[in-house]
Amino acid sequence: MQHNVIRLVPRQTDEPTDRAVYTVPEVARLLSLSRGSAYACVRDGTIPAIRVGGRWMIPKRRFHTWLDGLTENGDN
């Protein structure tokens, strides 16, 4: 008698994980922005980010503090 073995593999998602930083595409999804708009906001300093090498990283704590501090009009 042969037994079938089922192996469960974790599902790959594009959702942010427990990392300390977000990528720009992740922030774009969180804010319902296009990637281009999110990159523009990162480059002009609207969204708090740091550049490491050639990559932009958005520290989660700074991002959520910034987001929580926005007023109804979108001003900081």
C-alpha atoms as a PDB file:
ATOM      1  CA  MET A   1       0.000   0.000   0.000  1.00  0.00           C
ATOM      2  CA  GLN A   2       1.449   3.320  -1.067  1.00  0.00           C
ATOM      3  CA  HIS A   3       0.893   6.425   1.099  1.00  0.00           C
ATOM      4  CA  ASN A   4       0.632   9.832  -0.472  1.00  0.00           C
ATOM      5  CA  VAL A   5       2.668  12.464   1.297  1.00  0.00           C
ATOM      6  CA  ILE A   6       1.407  16.007   1.317  1.00  0.00           C
ATOM      7  CA  ARG A   7       3.972  18.694   2.006  1.00  0.00           C
ATOM      8  CA  LEU A   8       2.766  22.079   3.118  1.00  0.00           C
ATOM      9  CA  VAL A   9       4.773  24.962   1.760  1.00  0.00           C
ATOM     10  CA  PRO A  10       4.366  28.483   3.162  1.00  0.00           C
ATOM     11  CA  ARG A  11       2.492  30.673   0.719  1.00  0.00           C
ATOM     12  CA  GLN A  12       4.546  33.419  -0.862  1.00  0.00           C
ATOM     13  CA  THR A  13       2.860  36.811  -0.635  1.00  0.00           C
ATOM     14  CA  ASP A  14       3.767  40.372  -1.447  1.00  0.00           C
ATOM     15  CA  GLU A  15       2.570  41.517   1.957  1.00  0.00           C
ATOM     16  CA  PRO A  16       5.036  43.261   4.268  1.00  0.00           C
ATOM     17  CA  THR A  17       6.527  40.995   6.933  1.00  0.00           C
ATOM     18  CA  ASP A  18       8.088  41.607  10.331  1.00  0.00           C
ATOM     19  CA  ARG A  19      11.085  43.394   8.850  1.00  0.00           C
ATOM     20  CA  ALA A  20      12.165  46.781  10.254  1.00  0.00           C
ATOM     21  CA  VAL A  21      11.698  48.525   6.911  1.00  0.00           C
ATOM     22  CA  TYR A  22       9.266  48.751   4.023  1.00  0.00           C
ATOM     23  CA  THR A  23      10.211  48.968   0.361  1.00  0.00           C
ATOM     24  CA  VAL A  24       8.795  51.744  -1.801  1.00  0.00           C
ATOM     25  CA  PRO A  25       6.428  49.331  -3.635  1.00  0.00           C
ATOM     26  CA  GLU A  26       5.120  48.108  -0.248  1.00  0.00           C
ATOM     27  CA  VAL A  27       4.457  51.673   0.890  1.00  0.00           C
ATOM     28  CA  ALA A  28       2.777  52.404  -2.440  1.00  0.00           C
ATOM     29  CA  ARG A  29       0.373  49.503  -1.833  1.00  0.00           C
ATOM     30  CA  LEU A  30      -0.248  50.551   1.790  1.00  0.00           C
ATOM     31  CA  LEU A  31      -1.125  54.097   0.698  1.00  0.00           C
ATOM     32  CA  SER A  32      -2.927  53.104  -2.529  1.00  0.00           C
ATOM     33  CA  LEU A  33      -0.452  55.113  -4.596  1.00  0.00           C
ATOM     34  CA  SER A  34       1.230  54.268  -7.857  1.00  0.00           C
ATOM     35  CA  ARG A  35       4.852  53.195  -7.560  1.00  0.00           C
ATOM     36  CA  GLY A  36       5.915  56.343  -9.392  1.00  0.00           C
ATOM     37  CA  SER A  37       4.024  58.591  -6.965  1.00  0.00           C
ATOM     38  CA  ALA A  38       5.478  56.751  -3.983  1.00  0.00           C
ATOM     39  CA  TYR A  39       9.011  57.115  -5.355  1.00  0.00           C
ATOM     40  CA  ALA A  40       8.400  60.837  -5.965  1.00  0.00           C
ATOM     41  CA  CYS A  41       7.213  61.273  -2.345  1.00  0.00           C
ATOM     42  CA  VAL A  42      10.265  59.408  -1.063  1.00  0.00           C
ATOM     43  CA  ARG A  43      12.665  61.435  -3.210  1.00  0.00           C
ATOM     44  CA  ASP A  44      11.179  64.801  -2.188  1.00  0.00           C
ATOM     45  CA  GLY A  45      11.112  63.855   1.503  1.00  0.00           C
ATOM     46  CA  THR A  46       7.339  63.721   1.918  1.00  0.00           C
ATOM     47  CA  ILE A  47       7.565  60.071   2.973  1.00  0.00           C
ATOM     48  CA  PRO A  48      10.424  59.514   5.458  1.00  0.00           C
ATOM     49  CA  ALA A  49      13.025  57.233   3.913  1.00  0.00           C
ATOM     50  CA  ILE A  50      16.727  56.519   3.811  1.00  0.00           C
ATOM     51  CA  ARG A  51      18.844  55.554   0.849  1.00  0.00           C
ATOM     52  CA  VAL A  52      21.242  52.665   1.357  1.00  0.00           C
ATOM     53  CA  GLY A  53      23.380  52.050  -1.668  1.00  0.00           C
ATOM     54  CA  GLY A  54      21.009  52.260  -4.605  1.00  0.00           C
ATOM     55  CA  ARG A  55      17.887  51.282  -2.639  1.00  0.00           C
ATOM     56  CA  TRP A  56      15.325  53.309  -0.750  1.00  0.00           C
ATOM     57  CA  MET A  57      14.145  51.910   2.570  1.00  0.00           C
ATOM     58  CA  ILE A  58      11.312  53.276   4.684  1.00  0.00           C
ATOM     59  CA  PRO A  59      11.760  52.553   8.410  1.00  0.00           C
ATOM     60  CA  LYS A  60       8.419  51.190   9.650  1.00  0.00           C
ATOM     61  CA  ARG A  61       8.337  53.177  12.894  1.00  0.00           C
ATOM     62  CA  ARG A  62       9.159  56.477  11.180  1.00  0.00           C
ATOM     63  CA  PHE A  63       6.615  55.752   8.452  1.00  0.00           C
ATOM     64  CA  HIS A  64       3.802  55.001  10.896  1.00  0.00           C
ATOM     65  CA  THR A  65       4.702  58.005  13.084  1.00  0.00           C
ATOM     66  CA  TRP A  66       4.602  60.204   9.975  1.00  0.00           C
ATOM     67  CA  LEU A  67       1.309  58.655   8.862  1.00  0.00           C
ATOM     68  CA  ASP A  68      -0.273  59.068  12.316  1.00  0.00           C
ATOM     69  CA  GLY A  69       0.811  62.729  12.349  1.00  0.00           C
ATOM     70  CA  LEU A  70      -0.962  63.670   9.117  1.00  0.00           C
ATOM     71  CA  THR A  71      -3.931  66.004   9.494  1.00  0.00           C
ATOM     72  CA  GLU A  72      -7.238  65.762   7.665  1.00  0.00           C
ATOM     73  CA  ASN A  73      -5.785  67.997   4.926  1.00  0.00           C
ATOM     74  CA  GLY A  74      -2.760  65.738   4.477  1.00  0.00           C
ATOM     75  CA  ASP A  75      -0.379  68.255   6.073  1.00  0.00           C
ATOM     76  CA  ASN A  76       2.331  67.154   8.502  1.00  0.00           C
END
